[in-house]
Structure formats: structure tokens, C-alpha cells
Amino acid sequence: MKNKKSVLLAGFALLIYLLAQQGEDMARSLPENSLGSNAVLQTAFSKRQSDLQVKGQGIVKKVLPDDLKGSRHQRFILQVNPDQTVLVAHNIDLAPRLPGLKQGDSVAFYGEYEWNQQGGVIHWTHHDPDGGHINGWLKYNGQTYR
């Protein structure tokens, strides 16, 4: 009976170790320090929250064509945690575009989160010329775009 308990405990310890390793591997694929700050995005998505000022970072999963209807926006999908992506809509009429952006690049952001079923949208990643909204930004390749 004692040997069965020892074997079960050893198996359980091995399972916990393997799950921890898998979590570390997923965390390494995201930029440093992103998991804690991006937890807010995961909570906002699960609670269907909007109009929430957020800061985080992620890896570009896909670069989309610019949205040219009304104010022009550079658009791309960021993987912000293993289970969530967000669309970033960066107003290029008010702030410089991120030059040479491609899949696999790391981008940090500060902007407003809006919930949708696909994971959400981050916008207001630029200054507000009227001063009525919190200024946002994107950080890419050592540069800040406001």
C-alpha cells in the first residue's frame, strides 16, 4: 500500500512538473512581463468589458490591410496571451505608422480596449489633439508612436 502511494505521488509530481514546463514554454513566446499586464485583457474579454484603458504587449500574429474608411488606421492582430488575440487599430492620421511591421514582431501598447467576440480591439493608441481622451501609444523596435 505504501509503494502505491509513493508511485501515485511521484506520478502526480511529474504531471505538475510537465504542466509547469508547458506553461513556461508558452510564456516564453510572449514578450517579457506581458503575462501580468495582459491578464487585464483576459478578464475584460471574459466579462465583456469595454471603454477600458489598458497597457500590455504581444506578438504580431497577422498584419491586415489599412482601414481607409473615415480616419485611416493601421491594423494588425496581436497574440496577447496563449488564448487571446486582439485587433490593434492605430490611427495613422494622428500618429505615425509602425514601419516594416511583420508577423512575429513584438509590440507594446497603451490604449482603450473594446470587447468583441474575436478577443477585442485596442484603439486610441495615439495622442488626442483635442485633449479630451487619455493619450495612448505603441512601442515598436525601440520607438514610441503617439
N, C-alpha and C. Protein backbone atom coordinates (compact mmCIF):
# COMPACT_ATOMS: atom_id res chain seq x y z
N MET A 1 0.82 -1.19 0.00
CA MET A 1 0.00 0.00 0.00
C MET A 1 0.87 1.26 0.00
N LYS A 2 1.97 1.23 0.78
CA LYS A 2 2.86 2.38 0.86
C LYS A 2 3.53 2.63 -0.50
N ASN A 3 3.91 1.56 -1.23
CA ASN A 3 4.53 1.70 -2.53
C ASN A 3 3.56 2.31 -3.55
N LYS A 4 2.28 1.93 -3.47
CA LYS A 4 1.28 2.51 -4.38
C LYS A 4 1.16 4.01 -4.16
N LYS A 5 1.15 4.43 -2.90
CA LYS A 5 1.06 5.86 -2.58
C LYS A 5 2.29 6.60 -3.10
N SER A 6 3.46 6.00 -2.95
CA SER A 6 4.70 6.63 -3.43
C SER A 6 4.69 6.78 -4.94
N VAL A 7 4.23 5.74 -5.62
CA VAL A 7 4.16 5.78 -7.08
C VAL A 7 3.16 6.84 -7.52
N LEU A 8 2.00 6.89 -6.88
CA LEU A 8 0.99 7.90 -7.22
C LEU A 8 1.51 9.31 -6.97
N LEU A 9 2.18 9.52 -5.83
CA LEU A 9 2.74 10.84 -5.53
C LEU A 9 3.81 11.23 -6.55
N ALA A 10 4.66 10.29 -6.92
CA ALA A 10 5.70 10.57 -7.91
C ALA A 10 5.07 10.90 -9.26
N GLY A 11 4.03 10.18 -9.64
CA GLY A 11 3.33 10.45 -10.90
C GLY A 11 2.67 11.82 -10.88
N PHE A 12 2.06 12.15 -9.77
CA PHE A 12 1.41 13.46 -9.63
C PHE A 12 2.44 14.59 -9.70
N ALA A 13 3.58 14.40 -9.04
CA ALA A 13 4.65 15.41 -9.07
C ALA A 13 5.17 15.58 -10.50
N LEU A 14 5.32 14.48 -11.22
CA LEU A 14 5.77 14.55 -12.61
C LEU A 14 4.76 15.30 -13.47
N LEU A 15 3.49 15.03 -13.27
CA LEU A 15 2.44 15.71 -14.04
C LEU A 15 2.48 17.22 -13.77
N ILE A 16 2.61 17.62 -12.53
CA ILE A 16 2.69 19.04 -12.19
C ILE A 16 3.91 19.68 -12.83
N TYR A 17 5.05 18.97 -12.78
CA TYR A 17 6.27 19.49 -13.40
C TYR A 17 6.07 19.69 -14.90
N LEU A 18 5.49 18.71 -15.58
CA LEU A 18 5.29 18.81 -17.03
C LEU A 18 4.33 19.94 -17.40
N LEU A 19 3.27 20.10 -16.62
CA LEU A 19 2.34 21.21 -16.88
C LEU A 19 3.01 22.56 -16.66
N ALA A 20 3.85 22.66 -15.63
CA ALA A 20 4.58 23.90 -15.38
C ALA A 20 5.53 24.21 -16.53
N GLN A 21 6.20 23.20 -17.04
CA GLN A 21 7.12 23.39 -18.18
C GLN A 21 6.36 23.88 -19.40
N GLN A 22 5.19 23.31 -19.67
CA GLN A 22 4.38 23.72 -20.82
C GLN A 22 3.98 25.18 -20.66
N GLY A 23 3.59 25.59 -19.46
CA GLY A 23 3.23 26.98 -19.22
C GLY A 23 4.40 27.92 -19.42
N GLU A 24 5.61 27.50 -18.99
CA GLU A 24 6.81 28.32 -19.19
C GLU A 24 7.12 28.46 -20.67
N ASP A 25 6.95 27.39 -21.45
CA ASP A 25 7.21 27.46 -22.89
C ASP A 25 6.26 28.44 -23.56
N MET A 26 4.97 28.43 -23.18
CA MET A 26 4.01 29.38 -23.76
C MET A 26 4.36 30.80 -23.35
N ALA A 27 4.78 30.98 -22.10
CA ALA A 27 5.12 32.32 -21.63
C ALA A 27 6.32 32.88 -22.36
N ARG A 28 7.29 32.03 -22.72
CA ARG A 28 8.48 32.50 -23.44
C ARG A 28 8.14 33.03 -24.82
N SER A 29 7.02 32.62 -25.40
CA SER A 29 6.67 33.08 -26.74
C SER A 29 6.12 34.51 -26.72
N LEU A 30 5.77 35.02 -25.55
CA LEU A 30 5.28 36.39 -25.42
C LEU A 30 6.39 37.27 -24.86
N PRO A 31 6.33 38.58 -25.10
CA PRO A 31 7.37 39.47 -24.61
C PRO A 31 7.48 39.44 -23.08
N GLU A 32 8.66 39.81 -22.60
CA GLU A 32 8.93 39.86 -21.17
C GLU A 32 7.90 40.72 -20.46
N ASN A 33 7.42 40.27 -19.32
CA ASN A 33 6.47 40.98 -18.45
C ASN A 33 5.08 41.14 -19.06
N SER A 34 4.75 40.50 -20.16
CA SER A 34 3.44 40.73 -20.76
C SER A 34 2.34 39.94 -20.07
N LEU A 35 2.66 38.81 -19.46
CA LEU A 35 1.59 37.98 -18.92
C LEU A 35 0.83 38.66 -17.80
N GLY A 36 1.51 39.36 -16.90
CA GLY A 36 0.82 40.04 -15.81
C GLY A 36 -0.04 41.19 -16.31
N SER A 37 0.52 42.03 -17.17
CA SER A 37 -0.25 43.17 -17.65
C SER A 37 -1.36 42.74 -18.60
N ASN A 38 -1.17 41.65 -19.31
CA ASN A 38 -2.20 41.20 -20.24
C ASN A 38 -3.31 40.43 -19.56
N ALA A 39 -3.16 40.09 -18.28
CA ALA A 39 -4.22 39.41 -17.54
C ALA A 39 -5.47 40.29 -17.50
N VAL A 40 -5.29 41.61 -17.48
CA VAL A 40 -6.43 42.53 -17.50
C VAL A 40 -7.24 42.33 -18.78
N LEU A 41 -6.55 42.12 -19.90
CA LEU A 41 -7.25 41.89 -21.17
C LEU A 41 -8.06 40.61 -21.12
N GLN A 42 -7.51 39.57 -20.54
CA GLN A 42 -8.23 38.30 -20.45
C GLN A 42 -9.48 38.46 -19.60
N THR A 43 -9.36 39.18 -18.49
CA THR A 43 -10.51 39.43 -17.63
C THR A 43 -11.55 40.29 -18.34
N ALA A 44 -11.10 41.34 -19.02
CA ALA A 44 -12.02 42.21 -19.75
C ALA A 44 -12.77 41.44 -20.83
N PHE A 45 -12.07 40.53 -21.51
CA PHE A 45 -12.72 39.73 -22.54
C PHE A 45 -13.78 38.81 -21.91
N SER A 46 -13.41 38.11 -20.84
CA SER A 46 -14.35 37.16 -20.24
C SER A 46 -15.56 37.87 -19.62
N LYS A 47 -15.39 39.13 -19.18
CA LYS A 47 -16.51 39.88 -18.59
C LYS A 47 -17.19 40.81 -19.59
N ARG A 48 -16.74 40.75 -20.86
CA ARG A 48 -17.31 41.58 -21.94
C ARG A 48 -17.27 43.07 -21.60
N GLN A 49 -16.14 43.52 -21.08
CA GLN A 49 -15.97 44.93 -20.71
C GLN A 49 -15.46 45.73 -21.89
N SER A 50 -15.81 47.00 -21.91
CA SER A 50 -15.33 47.93 -22.94
C SER A 50 -14.98 49.25 -22.28
N ASP A 51 -14.43 50.17 -23.09
CA ASP A 51 -14.03 51.50 -22.61
C ASP A 51 -13.06 51.39 -21.44
N LEU A 52 -12.09 50.49 -21.58
CA LEU A 52 -11.14 50.21 -20.51
C LEU A 52 -9.74 50.56 -20.99
N GLN A 53 -9.06 51.45 -20.26
CA GLN A 53 -7.69 51.83 -20.61
C GLN A 53 -6.76 50.70 -20.21
N VAL A 54 -5.98 50.18 -21.17
CA VAL A 54 -5.13 49.02 -20.91
C VAL A 54 -3.72 49.24 -21.43
N LYS A 55 -2.80 48.52 -20.80
CA LYS A 55 -1.40 48.53 -21.21
C LYS A 55 -0.96 47.08 -21.31
N GLY A 56 -0.22 46.74 -22.36
CA GLY A 56 0.24 45.37 -22.50
C GLY A 56 1.19 45.25 -23.67
N GLN A 57 1.43 44.02 -24.06
CA GLN A 57 2.27 43.76 -25.22
C GLN A 57 1.94 42.39 -25.78
N GLY A 58 2.37 42.18 -27.00
CA GLY A 58 2.10 40.90 -27.64
C GLY A 58 2.95 40.72 -28.88
N ILE A 59 2.70 39.62 -29.54
CA ILE A 59 3.41 39.24 -30.76
C ILE A 59 2.46 39.39 -31.94
N VAL A 60 2.93 40.02 -33.00
CA VAL A 60 2.09 40.21 -34.19
C VAL A 60 1.80 38.85 -34.81
N LYS A 61 0.52 38.52 -34.85
CA LYS A 61 0.08 37.26 -35.46
C LYS A 61 -0.22 37.46 -36.94
N LYS A 62 -0.79 38.63 -37.27
CA LYS A 62 -1.13 38.91 -38.67
C LYS A 62 -1.21 40.42 -38.88
N VAL A 63 -0.63 40.88 -39.99
CA VAL A 63 -0.75 42.29 -40.39
C VAL A 63 -1.89 42.35 -41.40
N LEU A 64 -2.85 43.24 -41.15
CA LEU A 64 -4.02 43.39 -42.00
C LEU A 64 -3.88 44.63 -42.88
N PRO A 65 -4.66 44.71 -43.95
CA PRO A 65 -4.65 45.94 -44.76
C PRO A 65 -5.14 47.13 -43.92
N ASP A 66 -4.66 48.31 -44.25
CA ASP A 66 -5.13 49.51 -43.57
C ASP A 66 -6.63 49.68 -43.78
N ASP A 67 -7.30 50.22 -42.77
CA ASP A 67 -8.71 50.61 -42.89
C ASP A 67 -8.70 52.05 -43.39
N LEU A 68 -9.23 52.29 -44.56
CA LEU A 68 -9.17 53.62 -45.17
C LEU A 68 -10.51 54.35 -45.15
N LYS A 69 -11.51 53.77 -44.48
CA LYS A 69 -12.83 54.42 -44.36
C LYS A 69 -12.80 55.40 -43.21
N GLY A 70 -13.09 56.67 -43.47
CA GLY A 70 -13.01 57.69 -42.42
C GLY A 70 -11.56 57.93 -42.05
N SER A 71 -11.27 58.00 -40.75
CA SER A 71 -9.88 58.13 -40.31
C SER A 71 -9.14 56.85 -40.69
N ARG A 72 -7.92 57.00 -41.19
CA ARG A 72 -7.15 55.83 -41.62
C ARG A 72 -6.49 55.15 -40.43
N HIS A 73 -6.55 53.82 -40.42
CA HIS A 73 -5.98 53.03 -39.33
C HIS A 73 -5.09 51.91 -39.86
N GLN A 74 -3.91 51.79 -39.27
CA GLN A 74 -3.06 50.62 -39.49
C GLN A 74 -3.62 49.54 -38.58
N ARG A 75 -3.82 48.34 -39.13
CA ARG A 75 -4.47 47.27 -38.36
C ARG A 75 -3.60 46.02 -38.33
N PHE A 76 -3.56 45.39 -37.15
CA PHE A 76 -2.85 44.13 -37.01
C PHE A 76 -3.41 43.37 -35.81
N ILE A 77 -3.21 42.05 -35.85
CA ILE A 77 -3.67 41.17 -34.78
C ILE A 77 -2.48 40.86 -33.88
N LEU A 78 -2.66 41.06 -32.58
CA LEU A 78 -1.62 40.74 -31.59
C LEU A 78 -2.05 39.54 -30.76
N GLN A 79 -1.14 38.61 -30.57
CA GLN A 79 -1.34 37.50 -29.62
C GLN A 79 -0.88 38.02 -28.27
N VAL A 80 -1.84 38.23 -27.34
CA VAL A 80 -1.50 38.83 -26.06
C VAL A 80 -1.38 37.82 -24.93
N ASN A 81 -1.91 36.65 -25.13
CA ASN A 81 -1.72 35.53 -24.21
C ASN A 81 -2.03 34.26 -25.00
N PRO A 82 -1.74 33.10 -24.44
CA PRO A 82 -1.92 31.87 -25.23
C PRO A 82 -3.34 31.67 -25.77
N ASP A 83 -4.34 32.27 -25.12
CA ASP A 83 -5.73 32.04 -25.52
C ASP A 83 -6.43 33.26 -26.11
N GLN A 84 -5.72 34.38 -26.30
CA GLN A 84 -6.41 35.59 -26.74
C GLN A 84 -5.57 36.40 -27.72
N THR A 85 -6.27 36.88 -28.74
CA THR A 85 -5.70 37.86 -29.66
C THR A 85 -6.56 39.11 -29.58
N VAL A 86 -5.96 40.25 -29.96
CA VAL A 86 -6.71 41.49 -30.07
C VAL A 86 -6.37 42.14 -31.40
N LEU A 87 -7.32 42.88 -31.93
CA LEU A 87 -7.08 43.70 -33.11
C LEU A 87 -6.59 45.05 -32.63
N VAL A 88 -5.48 45.51 -33.16
CA VAL A 88 -4.99 46.86 -32.87
C VAL A 88 -5.37 47.73 -34.07
N ALA A 89 -6.08 48.82 -33.80
CA ALA A 89 -6.47 49.79 -34.83
C ALA A 89 -5.79 51.11 -34.48
N HIS A 90 -4.67 51.39 -35.14
CA HIS A 90 -3.81 52.53 -34.84
C HIS A 90 -4.06 53.64 -35.85
N ASN A 91 -4.57 54.78 -35.38
CA ASN A 91 -4.95 55.90 -36.25
C ASN A 91 -3.71 56.56 -36.86
N ILE A 92 -3.52 56.34 -38.16
CA ILE A 92 -2.33 56.88 -38.85
C ILE A 92 -2.59 58.27 -39.44
N ASP A 93 -3.76 58.83 -39.17
CA ASP A 93 -3.97 60.24 -39.48
C ASP A 93 -3.46 61.10 -38.33
N LEU A 94 -3.36 60.52 -37.13
CA LEU A 94 -2.92 61.26 -35.94
C LEU A 94 -1.55 60.83 -35.42
N ALA A 95 -1.07 59.68 -35.82
CA ALA A 95 0.21 59.17 -35.33
C ALA A 95 0.92 58.44 -36.46
N PRO A 96 2.25 58.38 -36.40
CA PRO A 96 2.99 57.67 -37.46
C PRO A 96 2.66 56.17 -37.46
N ARG A 97 2.69 55.59 -38.65
CA ARG A 97 2.50 54.14 -38.77
C ARG A 97 3.74 53.43 -38.25
N LEU A 98 3.60 52.17 -37.88
CA LEU A 98 4.73 51.35 -37.48
C LEU A 98 5.36 50.81 -38.77
N PRO A 99 6.54 51.30 -39.13
CA PRO A 99 7.14 50.92 -40.41
C PRO A 99 7.68 49.49 -40.39
N GLY A 100 7.44 48.76 -41.45
CA GLY A 100 8.01 47.42 -41.60
C GLY A 100 7.42 46.37 -40.67
N LEU A 101 6.28 46.64 -40.09
CA LEU A 101 5.66 45.69 -39.15
C LEU A 101 5.38 44.37 -39.85
N LYS A 102 5.75 43.26 -39.17
CA LYS A 102 5.54 41.95 -39.78
C LYS A 102 5.20 40.92 -38.70
N GLN A 103 4.68 39.80 -39.16
CA GLN A 103 4.34 38.70 -38.27
C GLN A 103 5.56 38.31 -37.44
N GLY A 104 5.33 38.08 -36.14
CA GLY A 104 6.40 37.69 -35.23
C GLY A 104 7.03 38.84 -34.48
N ASP A 105 6.76 40.09 -34.90
CA ASP A 105 7.31 41.26 -34.20
C ASP A 105 6.61 41.46 -32.86
N SER A 106 7.33 42.06 -31.93
CA SER A 106 6.79 42.39 -30.61
C SER A 106 6.34 43.85 -30.60
N VAL A 107 5.14 44.10 -30.07
CA VAL A 107 4.59 45.45 -29.96
C VAL A 107 3.99 45.63 -28.57
N ALA A 108 4.36 46.72 -27.91
CA ALA A 108 3.74 47.10 -26.64
C ALA A 108 2.71 48.18 -26.95
N PHE A 109 1.69 48.29 -26.10
CA PHE A 109 0.62 49.24 -26.37
C PHE A 109 0.06 49.84 -25.09
N TYR A 110 -0.53 51.01 -25.25
CA TYR A 110 -1.33 51.66 -24.23
C TYR A 110 -2.49 52.30 -24.96
N GLY A 111 -3.69 51.83 -24.70
CA GLY A 111 -4.85 52.33 -25.43
C GLY A 111 -6.13 51.87 -24.77
N GLU A 112 -7.22 52.02 -25.51
CA GLU A 112 -8.54 51.69 -24.98
C GLU A 112 -9.01 50.35 -25.55
N TYR A 113 -9.48 49.48 -24.66
CA TYR A 113 -9.98 48.16 -25.04
C TYR A 113 -11.48 48.21 -25.26
N GLU A 114 -11.91 47.62 -26.37
CA GLU A 114 -13.33 47.44 -26.67
C GLU A 114 -13.57 45.96 -26.89
N TRP A 115 -14.53 45.39 -26.21
CA TRP A 115 -14.83 43.96 -26.31
C TRP A 115 -15.46 43.63 -27.65
N ASN A 116 -15.10 42.48 -28.21
CA ASN A 116 -15.85 41.83 -29.28
C ASN A 116 -15.60 40.32 -29.16
N GLN A 117 -16.35 39.53 -29.90
CA GLN A 117 -16.27 38.07 -29.78
C GLN A 117 -14.93 37.50 -30.23
N GLN A 118 -14.18 38.24 -31.03
CA GLN A 118 -12.90 37.74 -31.53
C GLN A 118 -11.75 37.97 -30.55
N GLY A 119 -11.97 38.67 -29.47
CA GLY A 119 -10.90 38.92 -28.50
C GLY A 119 -10.82 40.37 -28.08
N GLY A 120 -11.33 41.26 -28.92
CA GLY A 120 -11.35 42.67 -28.57
C GLY A 120 -10.53 43.52 -29.52
N VAL A 121 -10.68 44.83 -29.36
CA VAL A 121 -9.97 45.82 -30.18
C VAL A 121 -9.26 46.78 -29.24
N ILE A 122 -8.03 47.13 -29.60
CA ILE A 122 -7.29 48.17 -28.90
C ILE A 122 -7.23 49.37 -29.85
N HIS A 123 -7.75 50.51 -29.41
CA HIS A 123 -7.67 51.74 -30.21
C HIS A 123 -7.27 52.89 -29.28
N TRP A 124 -7.27 54.11 -29.78
CA TRP A 124 -6.74 55.27 -29.05
C TRP A 124 -5.29 55.03 -28.67
N THR A 125 -4.51 54.51 -29.61
CA THR A 125 -3.08 54.26 -29.40
C THR A 125 -2.27 55.44 -29.93
N HIS A 126 -2.79 56.64 -29.71
CA HIS A 126 -2.19 57.87 -30.24
C HIS A 126 -2.56 59.02 -29.31
N HIS A 127 -2.00 60.18 -29.56
CA HIS A 127 -2.36 61.37 -28.78
C HIS A 127 -3.75 61.84 -29.20
N ASP A 128 -4.40 62.59 -28.32
CA ASP A 128 -5.69 63.20 -28.65
C ASP A 128 -5.45 64.69 -28.89
N PRO A 129 -5.55 65.15 -30.14
CA PRO A 129 -5.28 66.57 -30.41
C PRO A 129 -6.24 67.52 -29.70
N ASP A 130 -7.41 67.02 -29.31
CA ASP A 130 -8.38 67.86 -28.60
C ASP A 130 -8.21 67.80 -27.08
N GLY A 131 -7.40 66.87 -26.60
CA GLY A 131 -7.13 66.78 -25.17
C GLY A 131 -8.26 66.18 -24.34
N GLY A 132 -9.25 65.59 -24.97
CA GLY A 132 -10.38 65.05 -24.23
C GLY A 132 -10.25 63.58 -23.87
N HIS A 133 -9.24 62.91 -24.38
CA HIS A 133 -9.06 61.48 -24.12
C HIS A 133 -7.64 61.23 -23.65
N ILE A 134 -7.45 60.18 -22.88
CA ILE A 134 -6.11 59.80 -22.44
C ILE A 134 -5.26 59.48 -23.66
N ASN A 135 -4.04 60.01 -23.70
CA ASN A 135 -3.13 59.72 -24.81
C ASN A 135 -2.64 58.29 -24.73
N GLY A 136 -2.63 57.63 -25.88
CA GLY A 136 -2.12 56.27 -25.96
C GLY A 136 -0.84 56.23 -26.76
N TRP A 137 -0.28 55.03 -26.94
CA TRP A 137 0.95 54.87 -27.70
C TRP A 137 1.15 53.41 -28.10
N LEU A 138 2.05 53.22 -29.04
CA LEU A 138 2.56 51.90 -29.40
C LEU A 138 4.08 51.97 -29.31
N LYS A 139 4.72 50.91 -28.85
CA LYS A 139 6.18 50.83 -28.83
C LYS A 139 6.60 49.66 -29.71
N TYR A 140 7.50 49.99 -30.65
CA TYR A 140 7.92 49.00 -31.63
C TYR A 140 9.35 49.29 -32.05
N ASN A 141 10.20 48.29 -32.02
CA ASN A 141 11.61 48.43 -32.40
C ASN A 141 12.30 49.60 -31.72
N GLY A 142 12.05 49.78 -30.44
CA GLY A 142 12.72 50.83 -29.68
C GLY A 142 12.16 52.22 -29.86
N GLN A 143 11.11 52.37 -30.64
CA GLN A 143 10.49 53.68 -30.88
C GLN A 143 9.07 53.71 -30.28
N THR A 144 8.66 54.90 -29.86
CA THR A 144 7.29 55.09 -29.37
C THR A 144 6.53 55.89 -30.42
N TYR A 145 5.36 55.39 -30.77
CA TYR A 145 4.50 56.03 -31.77
C TYR A 145 3.25 56.53 -31.07
N ARG A 146 3.06 57.88 -31.13
CA ARG A 146 1.94 58.51 -30.42
C ARG A 146 1.03 59.17 -31.39
